[in-house]
PDB file of N, CA and C in Angstrom:
ATOM      1  N   MET A   1      96.535 125.498 166.338  1.00  0.00           N
ATOM      2  CA  MET A   1      96.240 124.103 166.082  1.00  0.00           C
ATOM      3  C   MET A   1      95.497 123.981 164.748  1.00  0.00           C
ATOM      4  N   PRO A   2      95.995 123.132 163.818  1.00  0.00           N
ATOM      5  CA  PRO A   2      95.318 122.991 162.519  1.00  0.00           C
ATOM      6  C   PRO A   2      93.957 122.315 162.678  1.00  0.00           C
ATOM      7  N   HIS A   3      93.059 122.661 161.796  1.00  0.00           N
ATOM      8  CA  HIS A   3      91.742 122.024 161.876  1.00  0.00           C
ATOM      9  C   HIS A   3      91.765 120.679 161.141  1.00  0.00           C
ATOM     10  N   ASP A   4      90.779 119.864 161.428  1.00  0.00           N
ATOM     11  CA  ASP A   4      90.716 118.490 160.930  1.00  0.00           C
ATOM     12  C   ASP A   4      90.044 118.453 159.556  1.00  0.00           C
ATOM     13  N   HIS A   5      90.764 117.924 158.550  1.00  0.00           N
ATOM     14  CA  HIS A   5      90.253 117.812 157.184  1.00  0.00           C
ATOM     15  C   HIS A   5      89.752 116.406 156.871  1.00  0.00           C
ATOM     16  N   THR A   6      89.757 115.538 157.831  1.00  0.00           N
ATOM     17  CA  THR A   6      89.481 114.123 157.593  1.00  0.00           C
ATOM     18  C   THR A   6      88.149 113.896 156.890  1.00  0.00           C
ATOM     19  N   LYS A   7      87.091 114.509 157.378  1.00  0.00           N
ATOM     20  CA  LYS A   7      85.757 114.300 156.789  1.00  0.00           C
ATOM     21  C   LYS A   7      85.737 114.775 155.334  1.00  0.00           C
ATOM     22  N   LEU A   8      86.273 115.953 155.079  1.00  0.00           N
ATOM     23  CA  LEU A   8      86.313 116.497 153.719  1.00  0.00           C
ATOM     24  C   LEU A   8      87.130 115.597 152.800  1.00  0.00           C
ATOM     25  N   LEU A   9      88.314 115.201 153.238  1.00  0.00           N
ATOM     26  CA  LEU A   9      89.191 114.385 152.406  1.00  0.00           C
ATOM     27  C   LEU A   9      88.590 113.015 152.119  1.00  0.00           C
ATOM     28  N   ASN A  10      87.964 112.414 153.105  1.00  0.00           N
ATOM     29  CA  ASN A  10      87.307 111.125 152.883  1.00  0.00           C
ATOM     30  C   ASN A  10      86.174 111.249 151.882  1.00  0.00           C
ATOM     31  N   HIS A  11      85.397 112.318 151.987  1.00  0.00           N
ATOM     32  CA  HIS A  11      84.297 112.557 151.049  1.00  0.00           C
ATOM     33  C   HIS A  11      84.835 112.692 149.614  1.00  0.00           C
ATOM     34  N   ILE A  12      85.894 113.461 149.442  1.00  0.00           N
ATOM     35  CA  ILE A  12      86.463 113.674 148.112  1.00  0.00           C
ATOM     36  C   ILE A  12      87.075 112.382 147.575  1.00  0.00           C
ATOM     37  N   LYS A  13      87.791 111.652 148.412  1.00  0.00           N
ATOM     38  CA  LYS A  13      88.406 110.387 147.991  1.00  0.00           C
ATOM     39  C   LYS A  13      87.356 109.390 147.507  1.00  0.00           C
ATOM     40  N   GLU A  14      86.199 109.362 148.171  1.00  0.00           N
ATOM     41  CA  GLU A  14      85.123 108.447 147.781  1.00  0.00           C
ATOM     42  C   GLU A  14      84.614 108.744 146.370  1.00  0.00           C
ATOM     43  N   GLY A  15      84.583 110.000 145.993  1.00  0.00           N
ATOM     44  CA  GLY A  15      84.053 110.380 144.685  1.00  0.00           C
ATOM     45  C   GLY A  15      85.094 110.510 143.592  1.00  0.00           C
ATOM     46  N   LEU A  16      86.358 110.369 143.948  1.00  0.00           N
ATOM     47  CA  LEU A  16      87.436 110.542 142.981  1.00  0.00           C
ATOM     48  C   LEU A  16      87.489 109.365 142.011  1.00  0.00           C
ATOM     49  N   PRO A  17      87.437 109.624 140.709  1.00  0.00           N
ATOM     50  CA  PRO A  17      87.522 108.529 139.736  1.00  0.00           C
ATOM     51  C   PRO A  17      88.873 107.815 139.814  1.00  0.00           C
ATOM     52  N   ALA A  18      88.921 106.635 139.243  1.00  0.00           N
ATOM     53  CA  ALA A  18      90.156 105.850 139.197  1.00  0.00           C
ATOM     54  C   ALA A  18      91.222 106.599 138.404  1.00  0.00           C
ATOM     55  N   ASP A  19      92.480 106.341 138.727  1.00  0.00           N
ATOM     56  CA  ASP A  19      93.595 107.001 138.041  1.00  0.00           C
ATOM     57  C   ASP A  19      93.527 106.816 136.531  1.00  0.00           C
ATOM     58  N   GLU A  20      93.155 105.618 136.079  1.00  0.00           N
ATOM     59  CA  GLU A  20      93.055 105.349 134.633  1.00  0.00           C
ATOM     60  C   GLU A  20      92.015 106.255 133.980  1.00  0.00           C
ATOM     61  N   THR A  21      90.898 106.453 134.647  1.00  0.00           N
ATOM     62  CA  THR A  21      89.844 107.326 134.127  1.00  0.00           C
ATOM     63  C   THR A  21      90.334 108.769 134.065  1.00  0.00           C
ATOM     64  N   LEU A  22      91.034 109.206 135.088  1.00  0.00           N
ATOM     65  CA  LEU A  22      91.564 110.574 135.095  1.00  0.00           C
ATOM     66  C   LEU A  22      92.634 110.748 134.016  1.00  0.00           C
ATOM     67  N   GLN A  23      93.427 109.698 133.775  1.00  0.00           N
ATOM     68  CA  GLN A  23      94.421 109.745 132.695  1.00  0.00           C
ATOM     69  C   GLN A  23      93.721 109.896 131.344  1.00  0.00           C
ATOM     70  N   ASP A  24      92.654 109.134 131.141  1.00  0.00           N
ATOM     71  CA  ASP A  24      91.879 109.232 129.898  1.00  0.00           C
ATOM     72  C   ASP A  24      91.298 110.629 129.726  1.00  0.00           C
ATOM     73  N   LEU A  25      90.816 111.218 130.802  1.00  0.00           N
ATOM     74  CA  LEU A  25      90.269 112.570 130.749  1.00  0.00           C
ATOM     75  C   LEU A  25      91.360 113.572 130.387  1.00  0.00           C
ATOM     76  N   GLY A  26      92.527 113.426 130.995  1.00  0.00           N
ATOM     77  CA  GLY A  26      93.656 114.295 130.657  1.00  0.00           C
ATOM     78  C   GLY A  26      94.053 114.161 129.203  1.00  0.00           C
ATOM     79  N   ASP A  27      94.065 112.930 128.699  1.00  0.00           N
ATOM     80  CA  ASP A  27      94.400 112.698 127.286  1.00  0.00           C
ATOM     81  C   ASP A  27      93.374 113.348 126.361  1.00  0.00           C
ATOM     82  N   LEU A  28      92.102 113.278 126.748  1.00  0.00           N
ATOM     83  CA  LEU A  28      91.055 113.916 125.948  1.00  0.00           C
ATOM     84  C   LEU A  28      91.301 115.419 125.850  1.00  0.00           C
ATOM     85  N   PHE A  29      91.604 116.038 126.974  1.00  0.00           N
ATOM     86  CA  PHE A  29      91.828 117.482 126.954  1.00  0.00           C
ATOM     87  C   PHE A  29      93.088 117.854 126.170  1.00  0.00           C
ATOM     88  N   LYS A  30      94.074 116.974 126.128  1.00  0.00           N
ATOM     89  CA  LYS A  30      95.267 117.234 125.312  1.00  0.00           C
ATOM     90  C   LYS A  30      94.906 117.368 123.838  1.00  0.00           C
ATOM     91  N   VAL A  31      93.928 116.591 123.387  1.00  0.00           N
ATOM     92  CA  VAL A  31      93.505 116.649 121.984  1.00  0.00           C
ATOM     93  C   VAL A  31      92.988 118.043 121.650  1.00  0.00           C
ATOM     94  N   PHE A  32      92.365 118.694 122.623  1.00  0.00           N
ATOM     95  CA  PHE A  32      91.836 120.044 122.418  1.00  0.00           C
ATOM     96  C   PHE A  32      92.943 121.102 122.447  1.00  0.00           C
ATOM     97  N   GLY A  33      94.181 120.690 122.696  1.00  0.00           N
ATOM     98  CA  GLY A  33      95.296 121.622 122.817  1.00  0.00           C
ATOM     99  C   GLY A  33      95.924 122.029 121.507  1.00  0.00           C
ATOM    100  N   ASP A  34      95.344 121.652 120.384  1.00  0.00           N
ATOM    101  CA  ASP A  34      95.903 121.977 119.080  1.00  0.00           C
ATOM    102  C   ASP A  34      94.914 122.839 118.300  1.00  0.00           C
ATOM    103  N   THR A  35      95.365 123.997 117.851  1.00  0.00           N
ATOM    104  CA  THR A  35      94.481 124.939 117.156  1.00  0.00           C
ATOM    105  C   THR A  35      93.897 124.349 115.878  1.00  0.00           C
ATOM    106  N   THR A  36      94.679 123.586 115.148  1.00  0.00           N
ATOM    107  CA  THR A  36      94.169 122.980 113.909  1.00  0.00           C
ATOM    108  C   THR A  36      93.020 122.031 114.215  1.00  0.00           C
ATOM    109  N   ARG A  37      93.181 121.220 115.231  1.00  0.00           N
ATOM    110  CA  ARG A  37      92.098 120.297 115.586  1.00  0.00           C
ATOM    111  C   ARG A  37      90.859 121.055 116.041  1.00  0.00           C
ATOM    112  N   ILE A  38      91.035 122.148 116.759  1.00  0.00           N
ATOM    113  CA  ILE A  38      89.889 122.976 117.171  1.00  0.00           C
ATOM    114  C   ILE A  38      89.187 123.541 115.935  1.00  0.00           C
ATOM    115  N   LYS A  39      89.960 124.026 114.967  1.00  0.00           N
ATOM    116  CA  LYS A  39      89.365 124.562 113.735  1.00  0.00           C
ATOM    117  C   LYS A  39      88.577 123.483 113.003  1.00  0.00           C
ATOM    118  N   ILE A  40      89.136 122.284 112.941  1.00  0.00           N
ATOM    119  CA  ILE A  40      88.437 121.179 112.279  1.00  0.00           C
ATOM    120  C   ILE A  40      87.126 120.885 113.001  1.00  0.00           C
ATOM    121  N   MET A  41      87.171 120.839 114.313  1.00  0.00           N
ATOM    122  CA  MET A  41      85.941 120.554 115.063  1.00  0.00           C
ATOM    123  C   MET A  41      84.918 121.674 114.888  1.00  0.00           C
ATOM    124  N   TYR A  42      85.376 122.918 114.837  1.00  0.00           N
ATOM    125  CA  TYR A  42      84.439 124.019 114.598  1.00  0.00           C
ATOM    126  C   TYR A  42      83.801 123.898 113.222  1.00  0.00           C
ATOM    127  N   ALA A  43      84.579 123.511 112.221  1.00  0.00           N
ATOM    128  CA  ALA A  43      84.028 123.323 110.879  1.00  0.00           C
ATOM    129  C   ALA A  43      82.995 122.199 110.889  1.00  0.00           C
ATOM    130  N   LEU A  44      83.324 121.101 111.559  1.00  0.00           N
ATOM    131  CA  LEU A  44      82.413 119.962 111.610  1.00  0.00           C
ATOM    132  C   LEU A  44      81.210 120.224 112.515  1.00  0.00           C
ATOM    133  N   TYR A  45      81.321 121.222 113.368  1.00  0.00           N
ATOM    134  CA  TYR A  45      80.194 121.628 114.207  1.00  0.00           C
ATOM    135  C   TYR A  45      79.033 122.079 113.322  1.00  0.00           C
ATOM    136  N   GLU A  46      79.392 122.711 112.205  1.00  0.00           N
ATOM    137  CA  GLU A  46      78.375 123.246 111.290  1.00  0.00           C
ATOM    138  C   GLU A  46      77.775 122.169 110.393  1.00  0.00           C
ATOM    139  N   ASP A  47      78.625 121.271 109.878  1.00  0.00           N
ATOM    140  CA  ASP A  47      78.140 120.253 108.944  1.00  0.00           C
ATOM    141  C   ASP A  47      79.239 119.235 108.706  1.00  0.00           C
ATOM    142  N   GLU A  48      78.865 118.068 108.209  1.00  0.00           N
ATOM    143  CA  GLU A  48      79.866 117.073 107.869  1.00  0.00           C
ATOM    144  C   GLU A  48      80.641 117.544 106.646  1.00  0.00           C
ATOM    145  N   MET A  49      81.896 117.115 106.561  1.00  0.00           N
ATOM    146  CA  MET A  49      82.766 117.552 105.465  1.00  0.00           C
ATOM    147  C   MET A  49      83.732 116.433 105.105  1.00  0.00           C
ATOM    148  N   CYS A  50      84.191 116.447 103.848  1.00  0.00           N
ATOM    149  CA  CYS A  50      85.236 115.523 103.421  1.00  0.00           C
ATOM    150  C   CYS A  50      86.599 116.172 103.686  1.00  0.00           C
ATOM    151  N   VAL A  51      87.638 115.360 103.623  1.00  0.00           N
ATOM    152  CA  VAL A  51      88.990 115.850 103.885  1.00  0.00           C
ATOM    153  C   VAL A  51      89.352 116.996 102.952  1.00  0.00           C
ATOM    154  N   CYS A  52      89.019 116.856 101.664  1.00  0.00           N
ATOM    155  CA  CYS A  52      89.413 117.902 100.706  1.00  0.00           C
ATOM    156  C   CYS A  52      88.738 119.239 101.013  1.00  0.00           C
ATOM    157  N   ALA A  53      87.499 119.211 101.480  1.00  0.00           N
ATOM    158  CA  ALA A  53      86.807 120.457 101.827  1.00  0.00           C
ATOM    159  C   ALA A  53      87.433 121.093 103.071  1.00  0.00           C
ATOM    160  N   ILE A  54      87.769 120.272 104.061  1.00  0.00           N
ATOM    161  CA  ILE A  54      88.407 120.802 105.269  1.00  0.00           C
ATOM    162  C   ILE A  54      89.775 121.384 104.913  1.00  0.00           C
ATOM    163  N   ALA A  55      90.518 120.680 104.077  1.00  0.00           N
ATOM    164  CA  ALA A  55      91.843 121.156 103.656  1.00  0.00           C
ATOM    165  C   ALA A  55      91.735 122.498 102.947  1.00  0.00           C
ATOM    166  N   GLU A  56      90.744 122.627 102.077  1.00  0.00           N
ATOM    167  CA  GLU A  56      90.543 123.894 101.359  1.00  0.00           C
ATOM    168  C   GLU A  56      90.150 125.007 102.333  1.00  0.00           C
ATOM    169  N   LEU A  57      89.248 124.709 103.240  1.00  0.00           N
ATOM    170  CA  LEU A  57      88.792 125.691 104.224  1.00  0.00           C
ATOM    171  C   LEU A  57      89.954 126.212 105.069  1.00  0.00           C
ATOM    172  N   LEU A  58      90.824 125.316 105.513  1.00  0.00           N
ATOM    173  CA  LEU A  58      91.915 125.691 106.409  1.00  0.00           C
ATOM    174  C   LEU A  58      93.221 125.986 105.678  1.00  0.00           C
ATOM    175  N   ASN A  59      93.174 125.900 104.343  1.00  0.00           N
ATOM    176  CA  ASN A  59      94.355 126.167 103.521  1.00  0.00           C
ATOM    177  C   ASN A  59      95.537 125.279 103.954  1.00  0.00           C
ATOM    178  N   MET A  60      95.246 123.985 104.045  1.00  0.00           N
ATOM    179  CA  MET A  60      96.240 123.000 104.450  1.00  0.00           C
ATOM    180  C   MET A  60      96.197 121.831 103.478  1.00  0.00           C
ATOM    181  N   THR A  61      97.189 120.955 103.565  1.00  0.00           N
ATOM    182  CA  THR A  61      97.194 119.772 102.708  1.00  0.00           C
ATOM    183  C   THR A  61      96.206 118.739 103.239  1.00  0.00           C
ATOM    184  N   GLN A  62      95.743 117.895 102.329  1.00  0.00           N
ATOM    185  CA  GLN A  62      94.846 116.825 102.739  1.00  0.00           C
ATOM    186  C   GLN A  62      95.555 115.869 103.690  1.00  0.00           C
ATOM    187  N   SER A  63      96.841 115.676 103.483  1.00  0.00           N
ATOM    188  CA  SER A  63      97.624 114.807 104.357  1.00  0.00           C
ATOM    189  C   SER A  63      97.645 115.341 105.788  1.00  0.00           C
ATOM    190  N   ALA A  64      97.857 116.641 105.928  1.00  0.00           N
ATOM    191  CA  ALA A  64      97.884 117.251 107.262  1.00  0.00           C
ATOM    192  C   ALA A  64      96.517 117.135 107.940  1.00  0.00           C
ATOM    193  N   ILE A  65      95.458 117.335 107.169  1.00  0.00           N
ATOM    194  CA  ILE A  65      94.107 117.226 107.725  1.00  0.00           C
ATOM    195  C   ILE A  65      93.815 115.784 108.125  1.00  0.00           C
ATOM    196  N   SER A  66      94.194 114.836 107.279  1.00  0.00           N
ATOM    197  CA  SER A  66      93.972 113.420 107.589  1.00  0.00           C
ATOM    198  C   SER A  66      94.682 113.020 108.876  1.00  0.00           C
ATOM    199  N   HIS A  67      95.878 113.531 109.065  1.00  0.00           N
ATOM    200  CA  HIS A  67      96.635 113.241 110.287  1.00  0.00           C
ATOM    201  C   HIS A  67      95.876 113.740 111.522  1.00  0.00           C
ATOM    202  N   GLN A  68      95.349 114.966 111.444  1.00  0.00           N
ATOM    203  CA  GLN A  68      94.598 115.524 112.576  1.00  0.00           C
ATOM    204  C   GLN A  68      93.272 114.792 112.779  1.00  0.00           C
ATOM    205  N   LEU A  69      92.629 114.402 111.688  1.00  0.00           N
ATOM    206  CA  LEU A  69      91.370 113.666 111.807  1.00  0.00           C
ATOM    207  C   LEU A  69      91.588 112.314 112.489  1.00  0.00           C
ATOM    208  N   LYS A  70      92.710 111.673 112.219  1.00  0.00           N
ATOM    209  CA  LYS A  70      93.013 110.402 112.880  1.00  0.00           C
ATOM    210  C   LYS A  70      93.100 110.603 114.391  1.00  0.00           C
ATOM    211  N   THR A  71      93.770 111.663 114.806  1.00  0.00           N
ATOM    212  CA  THR A  71      93.866 111.960 116.235  1.00  0.00           C
ATOM    213  C   THR A  71      92.477 112.191 116.827  1.00  0.00           C
ATOM    214  N   LEU A  72      91.648 112.941 116.115  1.00  0.00           N
ATOM    215  CA  LEU A  72      90.285 113.214 116.583  1.00  0.00           C
ATOM    216  C   LEU A  72      89.433 111.945 116.609  1.00  0.00           C
ATOM    217  N   LYS A  73      89.610 111.081 115.607  1.00  0.00           N
ATOM    218  CA  LYS A  73      88.874 109.813 115.584  1.00  0.00           C
ATOM    219  C   LYS A  73      89.313 108.916 116.732  1.00  0.00           C
ATOM    220  N   ASP A  74      90.625 108.847 116.971  1.00  0.00           N
ATOM    221  CA  ASP A  74      91.151 108.009 118.054  1.00  0.00           C
ATOM    222  C   ASP A  74      90.611 108.449 119.412  1.00  0.00           C
ATOM    223  N   ALA A  75      90.305 109.735 119.539  1.00  0.00           N
ATOM    224  CA  ALA A  75      89.741 110.275 120.783  1.00  0.00           C
ATOM    225  C   ALA A  75      88.210 110.215 120.784  1.00  0.00           C
ATOM    226  N   ASN A  76      87.626 109.603 119.750  1.00  0.00           N
ATOM    227  CA  ASN A  76      86.164 109.488 119.611  1.00  0.00           C
ATOM    228  C   ASN A  76      85.459 110.840 119.562  1.00  0.00           C
ATOM    229  N   LEU A  77      86.147 111.831 119.002  1.00  0.00           N
ATOM    230  CA  LEU A  77      85.546 113.159 118.867  1.00  0.00           C
ATOM    231  C   LEU A  77      84.909 113.357 117.498  1.00  0.00           C
ATOM    232  N   VAL A  78      85.401 112.672 116.489  1.00  0.00           N
ATOM    233  CA  VAL A  78      84.800 112.719 115.161  1.00  0.00           C
ATOM    234  C   VAL A  78      84.583 111.297 114.656  1.00  0.00           C
ATOM    235  N   SER A  79      83.668 111.170 113.722  1.00  0.00           N
ATOM    236  CA  SER A  79      83.415 109.888 113.075  1.00  0.00           C
ATOM    237  C   SER A  79      83.273 110.142 111.581  1.00  0.00           C
ATOM    238  N   GLY A  80      83.371 109.077 110.817  1.00  0.00           N
ATOM    239  CA  GLY A  80      83.273 109.215 109.368  1.00  0.00           C
ATOM    240  C   GLY A  80      82.282 108.233 108.785  1.00  0.00           C
ATOM    241  N   ARG A  81      81.700 108.652 107.691  1.00  0.00           N
ATOM    242  CA  ARG A  81      80.820 107.745 106.948  1.00  0.00           C
ATOM    243  C   ARG A  81      81.275 107.762 105.495  1.00  0.00           C
ATOM    244  N   ARG A  82      81.316 106.579 104.907  1.00  0.00           N
ATOM    245  CA  ARG A  82      81.795 106.436 103.536  1.00  0.00           C
ATOM    246  C   ARG A  82      80.640 106.604 102.560  1.00  0.00           C
ATOM    247  N   GLU A  83      80.920 107.356 101.511  1.00  0.00           N
ATOM    248  CA  GLU A  83      79.980 107.504 100.397  1.00  0.00           C
ATOM    249  C   GLU A  83      80.808 107.325  99.129  1.00  0.00           C
ATOM    250  N   GLY A  84      80.766 106.135  98.570  1.00  0.00           N
ATOM    251  CA  GLY A  84      81.639 105.821  97.434  1.00  0.00           C
ATOM    252  C   GLY A  84      83.081 105.797  97.915  1.00  0.00           C
ATOM    253  N   LYS A  85      83.930 106.564  97.247  1.00  0.00           N
ATOM    254  CA  LYS A  85      85.338 106.631  97.642  1.00  0.00           C
ATOM    255  C   LYS A  85      85.600 107.723  98.673  1.00  0.00           C
ATOM    256  N   GLU A  86      84.614 108.533  98.926  1.00  0.00           N
ATOM    257  CA  GLU A  86      84.765 109.692  99.811  1.00  0.00           C
ATOM    258  C   GLU A  86      84.312 109.347 101.230  1.00  0.00           C
ATOM    259  N   ILE A  87      85.024 109.889 102.216  1.00  0.00           N
ATOM    260  CA  ILE A  87      84.604 109.755 103.611  1.00  0.00           C
ATOM    261  C   ILE A  87      84.210 111.141 104.110  1.00  0.00           C
ATOM    262  N   TYR A  88      83.025 111.220 104.678  1.00  0.00           N
ATOM    263  CA  TYR A  88      82.524 112.478 105.228  1.00  0.00           C
ATOM    264  C   TYR A  88      82.617 112.402 106.746  1.00  0.00           C
ATOM    265  N   TYR A  89      83.254 113.405 107.318  1.00  0.00           N
ATOM    266  CA  TYR A  89      83.488 113.442 108.753  1.00  0.00           C
ATOM    267  C   TYR A  89      82.493 114.357 109.431  1.00  0.00           C
ATOM    268  N   SER A  90      82.160 114.004 110.675  1.00  0.00           N
ATOM    269  CA  SER A  90      81.259 114.823 111.488  1.00  0.00           C
ATOM    270  C   SER A  90      81.675 114.646 112.944  1.00  0.00           C
ATOM    271  N   LEU A  91      81.180 115.525 113.803  1.00  0.00           N
ATOM    272  CA  LEU A  91      81.416 115.354 115.230  1.00  0.00           C
ATOM    273  C   LEU A  91      80.701 114.082 115.683  1.00  0.00           C
ATOM    274  N   SER A  92      81.304 113.372 116.601  1.00  0.00           N
ATOM    275  CA  SER A  92      80.778 112.065 117.009  1.00  0.00           C
ATOM    276  C   SER A  92      79.391 112.131 117.626  1.00  0.00           C
ATOM    277  N   ASP A  93      79.156 113.139 118.469  1.00  0.00           N
ATOM    278  CA  ASP A  93      77.855 113.225 119.135  1.00  0.00           C
ATOM    279  C   ASP A  93      77.669 114.607 119.752  1.00  0.00           C
ATOM    280  N   ASP A  94      76.543 114.784 120.391  1.00  0.00           N
ATOM    281  CA  ASP A  94      76.227 116.081 120.997  1.00  0.00           C
ATOM    282  C   ASP A  94      77.136 116.420 122.177  1.00  0.00           C
ATOM    283  N   HIS A  95      77.768 115.403 122.786  1.00  0.00           N
ATOM    284  CA  HIS A  95      78.709 115.687 123.870  1.00  0.00           C
ATOM    285  C   HIS A  95      79.862 116.540 123.371  1.00  0.00           C
ATOM    286  N   VAL A  96      80.326 116.257 122.164  1.00  0.00           N
ATOM    287  CA  VAL A  96      81.447 117.016 121.603  1.00  0.00           C
ATOM    288  C   VAL A  96      81.019 118.464 121.380  1.00  0.00           C
ATOM    289  N   LYS A  97      79.821 118.652 120.855  1.00  0.00           N
ATOM    290  CA  LYS A  97      79.300 120.013 120.680  1.00  0.00           C
ATOM    291  C   LYS A  97      79.214 120.730 122.021  1.00  0.00           C
ATOM    292  N   SER A  98      78.784 120.023 123.037  1.00  0.00           N
ATOM    293  CA  SER A  98      78.665 120.613 124.360  1.00  0.00           C
ATOM    294  C   SER A  98      80.035 121.027 124.908  1.00  0.00           C
ATOM    295  N   ILE A  99      81.045 120.186 124.719  1.00  0.00           N
ATOM    296  CA  ILE A  99      82.399 120.527 125.175  1.00  0.00           C
ATOM    297  C   ILE A  99      82.879 121.793 124.474  1.00  0.00           C
ATOM    298  N   ILE A 100      82.662 121.860 123.173  1.00  0.00           N
ATOM    299  CA  ILE A 100      83.069 123.046 122.401  1.00  0.00           C
ATOM    300  C   ILE A 100      82.324 124.278 122.911  1.00  0.00           C
ATOM    301  N   ASN A 101      81.014 124.155 123.068  1.00  0.00           N
ATOM    302  CA  ASN A 101      80.208 125.287 123.558  1.00  0.00           C
ATOM    303  C   ASN A 101      80.653 125.747 124.934  1.00  0.00           C
ATOM    304  N   GLN A 102      80.858 124.799 125.850  1.00  0.00           N
ATOM    305  CA  GLN A 102      81.248 125.142 127.200  1.00  0.00           C
ATOM    306  C   GLN A 102      82.611 125.845 127.214  1.00  0.00           C
ATOM    307  N   GLY A 103      83.544 125.317 126.439  1.00  0.00           N
ATOM    308  CA  GLY A 103      84.871 125.942 126.380  1.00  0.00           C
ATOM    309  C   GLY A 103      84.802 127.343 125.819  1.00  0.00           C
ATOM    310  N   TYR A 104      84.034 127.505 124.751  1.00  0.00           N
ATOM    311  CA  TYR A 104      83.893 128.826 124.131  1.00  0.00           C
ATOM    312  C   TYR A 104      83.246 129.826 125.093  1.00  0.00           C
ATOM    313  N   GLU A 105      82.179 129.391 125.748  1.00  0.00           N
ATOM    314  CA  GLU A 105      81.522 130.275 126.714  1.00  0.00           C
ATOM    315  C   GLU A 105      82.461 130.656 127.850  1.00  0.00           C
ATOM    316  N   HIS A 106      83.260 129.710 128.290  1.00  0.00           N
ATOM    317  CA  HIS A 106      84.195 129.993 129.402  1.00  0.00           C
ATOM    318  C   HIS A 106      85.216 131.056 129.016  1.00  0.00           C
ATOM    319  N   ILE A 107      85.781 130.960 127.823  1.00  0.00           N
ATOM    320  CA  ILE A 107      86.823 131.911 127.453  1.00  0.00           C
ATOM    321  C   ILE A 107      86.295 133.260 127.007  1.00  0.00           C
ATOM    322  N   THR A 108      84.999 133.328 126.661  1.00  0.00           N
ATOM    323  CA  THR A 108      84.443 134.592 126.167  1.00  0.00           C
ATOM    324  C   THR A 108      83.608 135.332 127.210  1.00  0.00           C
ATOM    325  N   GLU A 109      83.466 134.785 128.400  1.00  0.00           N
ATOM    326  CA  GLU A 109      82.641 135.493 129.402  1.00  0.00           C
ATOM    327  C   GLU A 109      83.429 136.564 130.109  1.00  0.00           C
TER     328      GLU A 109
END
């Protein structure tokens, strides 16, 4: 005779976020699925940088970097501040640093 899961399932259902929230979370993790974007975030982890500096660091075109930065900005992972004609990018907040740290610790333990 199978045992009763009702109490456990009800408890989990009560705490389960809305489908839209879970979709947003899944979309956020998809952004982390690209090595170039991870490299950009690691660079910005150290200090803010302009597109040309990131492009030079990663040996890529400024256009390619700008495309990836747009994806990161749309996910609220990076932000930019304008100084004259130049935009300097940085990680949006300490939550992003924490996500990077947690992921790195998980894969290296």
